Amino acid sequence: TLDAATKFVDVVWRGGFSRHVSRKASGVLREALEAVEGLRVLDASVDLGAAQIPLKAVERLARAPRFLEEAIAARRAPGDAPLPVFAVQIEILDWTIAAPALLALDLELTGVVAKYAVPRLGAVFEDAGLGASTLLVGVEIAPHYPFIRHAAAGFATKAPRLRTRARVGGDVHAADGAGTKLRG
């Protein structure tokens, strides 16, 4: 039932999965920013908070979508045999992320870019909300603890719309306080 699924997702999310996803997102963000020429990343972090994710529906899929199976297969070590994949479709309602800062950036501009701009830039994105979306999740079930060998997720159609307010300043600490307010 939806109530049982909501309770399960809430327990897993509050039990540490939100911190795990936030750390993973921080790593992806840092990696993406470090690939930009003329930019040195001093800090980049994502915090999705621990508030309950508002679910509209959860449905088990008879088979994982191909893109999830391919993503899980890509994570397997050479020679690892495929294990059963459990897949669900999760419909999420509008979600307000209750975290002090969804995203915090502290960047230093270098090279030619720094000649024509401020040398350091901080930004804090707060009061964030994600629009309703449908998330597909696939989990490769292992026969031993922790029972999950690999997992993958993706949106059924397009990523949800992000609404947030940003503060920009000379560094992340200035942006966190009285930085310039931007709407996004």
C-alpha atoms as a PDB file:
ATOM      1  CA  THR A   1       0.000   0.000   0.000  1.00  0.00           C
ATOM      2  CA  LEU A   2       1.000   3.635  -0.369  1.00  0.00           C
ATOM      3  CA  ASP A   3       1.075   4.115   3.426  1.00  0.00           C
ATOM      4  CA  ALA A   4       3.515   1.240   3.895  1.00  0.00           C
ATOM      5  CA  ALA A   5       5.688   2.441   1.009  1.00  0.00           C
ATOM      6  CA  THR A   6       5.685   5.997   2.383  1.00  0.00           C
ATOM      7  CA  LYS A   7       6.739   4.766   5.835  1.00  0.00           C
ATOM      8  CA  PHE A   8       9.472   2.579   4.330  1.00  0.00           C
ATOM      9  CA  VAL A   9      10.858   5.410   2.161  1.00  0.00           C
ATOM     10  CA  ASP A  10      10.723   7.784   5.147  1.00  0.00           C
ATOM     11  CA  VAL A  11      12.614   5.360   7.414  1.00  0.00           C
ATOM     12  CA  VAL A  12      15.268   4.677   4.762  1.00  0.00           C
ATOM     13  CA  TRP A  13      15.595   8.379   3.854  1.00  0.00           C
ATOM     14  CA  ARG A  14      15.893   9.569   7.471  1.00  0.00           C
ATOM     15  CA  GLY A  15      18.057   6.579   8.374  1.00  0.00           C
ATOM     16  CA  GLY A  16      20.960   7.859   6.300  1.00  0.00           C
ATOM     17  CA  PHE A  17      20.056   7.476   2.652  1.00  0.00           C
ATOM     18  CA  SER A  18      19.491  11.245   2.354  1.00  0.00           C
ATOM     19  CA  ARG A  19      23.090  11.840   3.535  1.00  0.00           C
ATOM     20  CA  HIS A  20      24.375   9.197   1.116  1.00  0.00           C
ATOM     21  CA  VAL A  21      22.517  10.719  -1.850  1.00  0.00           C
ATOM     22  CA  SER A  22      23.663  14.223  -0.819  1.00  0.00           C
ATOM     23  CA  ARG A  23      27.324  13.059  -0.710  1.00  0.00           C
ATOM     24  CA  LYS A  24      26.993  11.378  -4.114  1.00  0.00           C
ATOM     25  CA  ALA A  25      25.371  14.503  -5.595  1.00  0.00           C
ATOM     26  CA  SER A  26      28.133  16.646  -4.080  1.00  0.00           C
ATOM     27  CA  GLY A  27      30.755  14.464  -5.767  1.00  0.00           C
ATOM     28  CA  VAL A  28      29.025  14.664  -9.145  1.00  0.00           C
ATOM     29  CA  LEU A  29      28.655  18.444  -8.797  1.00  0.00           C
ATOM     30  CA  ARG A  30      32.311  18.893  -7.831  1.00  0.00           C
ATOM     31  CA  GLU A  31      33.442  16.694 -10.738  1.00  0.00           C
ATOM     32  CA  ALA A  32      31.307  18.641 -13.219  1.00  0.00           C
ATOM     33  CA  LEU A  33      32.554  22.016 -11.970  1.00  0.00           C
ATOM     34  CA  GLU A  34      36.204  20.912 -11.977  1.00  0.00           C
ATOM     35  CA  ALA A  35      35.860  20.108 -15.684  1.00  0.00           C
ATOM     36  CA  VAL A  36      35.143  23.787 -16.416  1.00  0.00           C
ATOM     37  CA  GLU A  37      38.275  25.591 -17.596  1.00  0.00           C
ATOM     38  CA  GLY A  38      39.069  28.723 -15.601  1.00  0.00           C
ATOM     39  CA  LEU A  39      37.336  27.505 -12.462  1.00  0.00           C
ATOM     40  CA  ARG A  40      38.858  26.092  -9.291  1.00  0.00           C
ATOM     41  CA  VAL A  41      36.400  24.466  -6.895  1.00  0.00           C
ATOM     42  CA  LEU A  42      37.121  25.331  -3.266  1.00  0.00           C
ATOM     43  CA  ASP A  43      33.860  23.810  -2.021  1.00  0.00           C
ATOM     44  CA  ALA A  44      30.746  22.315  -3.566  1.00  0.00           C
ATOM     45  CA  SER A  45      28.128  20.566  -1.479  1.00  0.00           C
ATOM     46  CA  VAL A  46      24.544  19.379  -1.826  1.00  0.00           C
ATOM     47  CA  ASP A  47      22.171  18.802   1.123  1.00  0.00           C
ATOM     48  CA  LEU A  48      18.780  17.260   0.347  1.00  0.00           C
ATOM     49  CA  GLY A  49      17.703  17.389   3.986  1.00  0.00           C
ATOM     50  CA  ALA A  50      15.929  14.642   5.867  1.00  0.00           C
ATOM     51  CA  ALA A  51      12.301  15.715   5.424  1.00  0.00           C
ATOM     52  CA  GLN A  52       9.908  13.062   4.200  1.00  0.00           C
ATOM     53  CA  ILE A  53       9.585  12.709   0.427  1.00  0.00           C
ATOM     54  CA  PRO A  54       5.893  13.252  -0.476  1.00  0.00           C
ATOM     55  CA  LEU A  55       4.788  10.180  -2.434  1.00  0.00           C
ATOM     56  CA  LYS A  56       1.696  10.000  -4.613  1.00  0.00           C
ATOM     57  CA  ALA A  57       2.072   6.370  -5.702  1.00  0.00           C
ATOM     58  CA  VAL A  58       4.559   3.502  -5.644  1.00  0.00           C
ATOM     59  CA  GLU A  59       4.233   0.634  -8.088  1.00  0.00           C
ATOM     60  CA  ARG A  60       6.435  -2.404  -8.549  1.00  0.00           C
ATOM     61  CA  LEU A  61       7.409  -2.947 -12.165  1.00  0.00           C
ATOM     62  CA  ALA A  62       7.366  -6.418 -13.706  1.00  0.00           C
ATOM     63  CA  ARG A  63      10.725  -5.657 -15.321  1.00  0.00           C
ATOM     64  CA  ALA A  64      13.271  -2.892 -14.904  1.00  0.00           C
ATOM     65  CA  PRO A  65      13.444  -0.432 -17.804  1.00  0.00           C
ATOM     66  CA  ARG A  66      16.348  -1.073 -20.150  1.00  0.00           C
ATOM     67  CA  PHE A  67      18.284   2.071 -19.136  1.00  0.00           C
ATOM     68  CA  LEU A  68      18.251   0.954 -15.468  1.00  0.00           C
ATOM     69  CA  GLU A  69      19.404  -2.570 -16.362  1.00  0.00           C
ATOM     70  CA  GLU A  70      22.224  -1.106 -18.486  1.00  0.00           C
ATOM     71  CA  ALA A  71      23.281   1.275 -15.690  1.00  0.00           C
ATOM     72  CA  ILE A  72      23.377  -1.576 -13.171  1.00  0.00           C
ATOM     73  CA  ALA A  73      25.266  -3.840 -15.601  1.00  0.00           C
ATOM     74  CA  ALA A  74      27.867  -1.090 -16.138  1.00  0.00           C
ATOM     75  CA  ARG A  75      28.605  -1.071 -12.388  1.00  0.00           C
ATOM     76  CA  ARG A  76      29.276  -4.816 -12.160  1.00  0.00           C
ATOM     77  CA  ALA A  77      32.837  -6.019 -11.850  1.00  0.00           C
ATOM     78  CA  PRO A  78      34.074  -8.151 -14.761  1.00  0.00           C
ATOM     79  CA  GLY A  79      32.973 -11.737 -14.234  1.00  0.00           C
ATOM     80  CA  ASP A  80      30.140 -10.883 -11.796  1.00  0.00           C
ATOM     81  CA  ALA A  81      26.988 -12.758 -12.711  1.00  0.00           C
ATOM     82  CA  PRO A  82      23.808 -10.685 -12.980  1.00  0.00           C
ATOM     83  CA  LEU A  83      21.450 -10.918 -10.002  1.00  0.00           C
ATOM     84  CA  PRO A  84      17.692 -10.274  -9.925  1.00  0.00           C
ATOM     85  CA  VAL A  85      16.707  -6.615 -10.302  1.00  0.00           C
ATOM     86  CA  PHE A  86      13.775  -5.235  -8.306  1.00  0.00           C
ATOM     87  CA  ALA A  87      12.273  -2.144  -9.950  1.00  0.00           C
ATOM     88  CA  VAL A  88       9.708   0.385  -8.783  1.00  0.00           C
ATOM     89  CA  GLN A  89       8.064   3.468 -10.205  1.00  0.00           C
ATOM     90  CA  ILE A  90       7.655   6.244  -7.644  1.00  0.00           C
ATOM     91  CA  GLU A  91       5.402   9.222  -8.280  1.00  0.00           C
ATOM     92  CA  ILE A  92       6.584  12.148  -6.164  1.00  0.00           C
ATOM     93  CA  LEU A  93       4.432  15.209  -5.420  1.00  0.00           C
ATOM     94  CA  ASP A  94       5.889  18.737  -5.178  1.00  0.00           C
ATOM     95  CA  TRP A  95       8.684  18.450  -2.628  1.00  0.00           C
ATOM     96  CA  THR A  96       9.996  21.250  -0.424  1.00  0.00           C
ATOM     97  CA  ILE A  97      13.557  20.432   0.595  1.00  0.00           C
ATOM     98  CA  ALA A  98      13.974  21.318   4.254  1.00  0.00           C
ATOM     99  CA  ALA A  99      17.705  21.971   4.425  1.00  0.00           C
ATOM    100  CA  PRO A 100      19.577  25.144   5.397  1.00  0.00           C
ATOM    101  CA  ALA A 101      21.233  25.132   1.963  1.00  0.00           C
ATOM    102  CA  LEU A 102      20.361  22.810  -0.896  1.00  0.00           C
ATOM    103  CA  LEU A 103      23.569  23.778  -2.648  1.00  0.00           C
ATOM    104  CA  ALA A 104      26.643  25.687  -1.503  1.00  0.00           C
ATOM    105  CA  LEU A 105      29.448  26.675  -3.877  1.00  0.00           C
ATOM    106  CA  ASP A 106      32.774  28.374  -3.242  1.00  0.00           C
ATOM    107  CA  LEU A 107      34.579  28.928  -6.529  1.00  0.00           C
ATOM    108  CA  GLU A 108      37.762  30.667  -7.599  1.00  0.00           C
ATOM    109  CA  LEU A 109      38.048  32.025 -11.112  1.00  0.00           C
ATOM    110  CA  THR A 110      41.459  31.488 -12.693  1.00  0.00           C
ATOM    111  CA  GLY A 111      43.299  32.274 -15.917  1.00  0.00           C
ATOM    112  CA  VAL A 112      41.818  34.584 -18.521  1.00  0.00           C
ATOM    113  CA  VAL A 113      38.376  34.466 -16.880  1.00  0.00           C
ATOM    114  CA  ALA A 114      39.726  36.022 -13.665  1.00  0.00           C
ATOM    115  CA  LYS A 115      40.993  39.115 -15.532  1.00  0.00           C
ATOM    116  CA  TYR A 116      37.459  40.216 -16.365  1.00  0.00           C
ATOM    117  CA  ALA A 117      35.527  39.102 -13.281  1.00  0.00           C
ATOM    118  CA  VAL A 118      35.711  38.817  -9.516  1.00  0.00           C
ATOM    119  CA  PRO A 119      38.404  36.292  -8.555  1.00  0.00           C
ATOM    120  CA  ARG A 120      36.200  34.438  -6.067  1.00  0.00           C
ATOM    121  CA  LEU A 121      32.505  33.666  -6.033  1.00  0.00           C
ATOM    122  CA  GLY A 122      30.252  32.017  -3.467  1.00  0.00           C
ATOM    123  CA  ALA A 123      26.640  30.966  -3.854  1.00  0.00           C
ATOM    124  CA  VAL A 124      24.102  29.396  -1.506  1.00  0.00           C
ATOM    125  CA  PHE A 125      20.816  28.039  -2.882  1.00  0.00           C
ATOM    126  CA  GLU A 126      18.096  27.855  -0.226  1.00  0.00           C
ATOM    127  CA  ASP A 127      14.331  27.392   0.150  1.00  0.00           C
ATOM    128  CA  ALA A 128      14.399  24.794  -2.597  1.00  0.00           C
ATOM    129  CA  GLY A 129      11.518  22.838  -4.024  1.00  0.00           C
ATOM    130  CA  LEU A 130      11.283  20.178  -6.707  1.00  0.00           C
ATOM    131  CA  GLY A 131       8.255  19.851  -8.945  1.00  0.00           C
ATOM    132  CA  ALA A 132       6.231  16.658  -9.146  1.00  0.00           C
ATOM    133  CA  SER A 133       7.987  13.864 -11.021  1.00  0.00           C
ATOM    134  CA  THR A 134       8.078  10.131 -11.660  1.00  0.00           C
ATOM    135  CA  LEU A 135      11.235   8.343 -10.566  1.00  0.00           C
ATOM    136  CA  LEU A 136      12.202   4.857 -11.703  1.00  0.00           C
ATOM    137  CA  VAL A 137      14.473   2.901  -9.355  1.00  0.00           C
ATOM    138  CA  GLY A 138      16.194  -0.421 -10.002  1.00  0.00           C
ATOM    139  CA  VAL A 139      18.009  -2.398  -7.315  1.00  0.00           C
ATOM    140  CA  GLU A 140      20.124  -5.483  -7.935  1.00  0.00           C
ATOM    141  CA  ILE A 141      19.305  -7.772  -5.016  1.00  0.00           C
ATOM    142  CA  ALA A 142      22.257  -9.602  -3.414  1.00  0.00           C
ATOM    143  CA  PRO A 143      21.813 -12.832  -1.411  1.00  0.00           C
ATOM    144  CA  HIS A 144      23.800 -11.445   1.564  1.00  0.00           C
ATOM    145  CA  TYR A 145      23.912  -8.311   3.717  1.00  0.00           C
ATOM    146  CA  PRO A 146      23.491  -5.436   2.824  1.00  0.00           C
ATOM    147  CA  PHE A 147      21.286  -7.164   0.186  1.00  0.00           C
ATOM    148  CA  ILE A 148      21.820  -4.439  -2.410  1.00  0.00           C
ATOM    149  CA  ARG A 149      24.679  -4.944  -4.839  1.00  0.00           C
ATOM    150  CA  HIS A 150      23.973  -2.058  -7.213  1.00  0.00           C
ATOM    151  CA  ALA A 151      21.211   0.476  -7.728  1.00  0.00           C
ATOM    152  CA  ALA A 152      20.286   2.970 -10.406  1.00  0.00           C
ATOM    153  CA  ALA A 153      17.592   5.593 -10.771  1.00  0.00           C
ATOM    154  CA  GLY A 154      16.308   7.980 -13.371  1.00  0.00           C
ATOM    155  CA  PHE A 155      13.296  10.101 -14.157  1.00  0.00           C
ATOM    156  CA  ALA A 156      10.578   8.586 -16.324  1.00  0.00           C
ATOM    157  CA  THR A 157      10.299  11.596 -18.613  1.00  0.00           C
ATOM    158  CA  LYS A 158      12.251  14.693 -17.669  1.00  0.00           C
ATOM    159  CA  ALA A 159      13.894  15.901 -14.501  1.00  0.00           C
ATOM    160  CA  PRO A 160      11.623  17.843 -12.143  1.00  0.00           C
ATOM    161  CA  ARG A 161      11.641  21.625 -12.131  1.00  0.00           C
ATOM    162  CA  LEU A 162      13.797  23.129  -9.378  1.00  0.00           C
ATOM    163  CA  ARG A 163      12.649  26.285  -7.619  1.00  0.00           C
ATOM    164  CA  THR A 164      15.121  27.978  -5.314  1.00  0.00           C
ATOM    165  CA  ARG A 165      16.411  31.292  -4.015  1.00  0.00           C
ATOM    166  CA  ALA A 166      20.129  31.987  -4.287  1.00  0.00           C
ATOM    167  CA  ARG A 167      22.438  34.296  -2.409  1.00  0.00           C
ATOM    168  CA  VAL A 168      25.665  35.265  -4.133  1.00  0.00           C
ATOM    169  CA  GLY A 169      28.697  36.849  -2.484  1.00  0.00           C
ATOM    170  CA  GLY A 170      32.478  37.085  -2.510  1.00  0.00           C
ATOM    171  CA  ASP A 171      32.685  33.601  -0.993  1.00  0.00           C
ATOM    172  CA  VAL A 172      30.310  30.990   0.388  1.00  0.00           C
ATOM    173  CA  HIS A 173      30.297  32.545   3.886  1.00  0.00           C
ATOM    174  CA  ALA A 174      29.409  36.003   2.541  1.00  0.00           C
ATOM    175  CA  ALA A 175      26.719  34.452   0.354  1.00  0.00           C
ATOM    176  CA  ASP A 176      25.255  32.593   3.320  1.00  0.00           C
ATOM    177  CA  GLY A 177      24.690  35.841   5.175  1.00  0.00           C
ATOM    178  CA  ALA A 178      23.944  39.106   3.441  1.00  0.00           C
ATOM    179  CA  GLY A 179      24.739  38.078  -0.115  1.00  0.00           C
ATOM    180  CA  THR A 180      22.888  39.373  -3.147  1.00  0.00           C
ATOM    181  CA  LYS A 181      19.510  37.638  -3.496  1.00  0.00           C
ATOM    182  CA  LEU A 182      18.608  36.011  -6.809  1.00  0.00           C
ATOM    183  CA  ARG A 183      15.442  34.150  -7.775  1.00  0.00           C
ATOM    184  CA  GLY A 184      15.717  30.948  -9.790  1.00  0.00           C
END
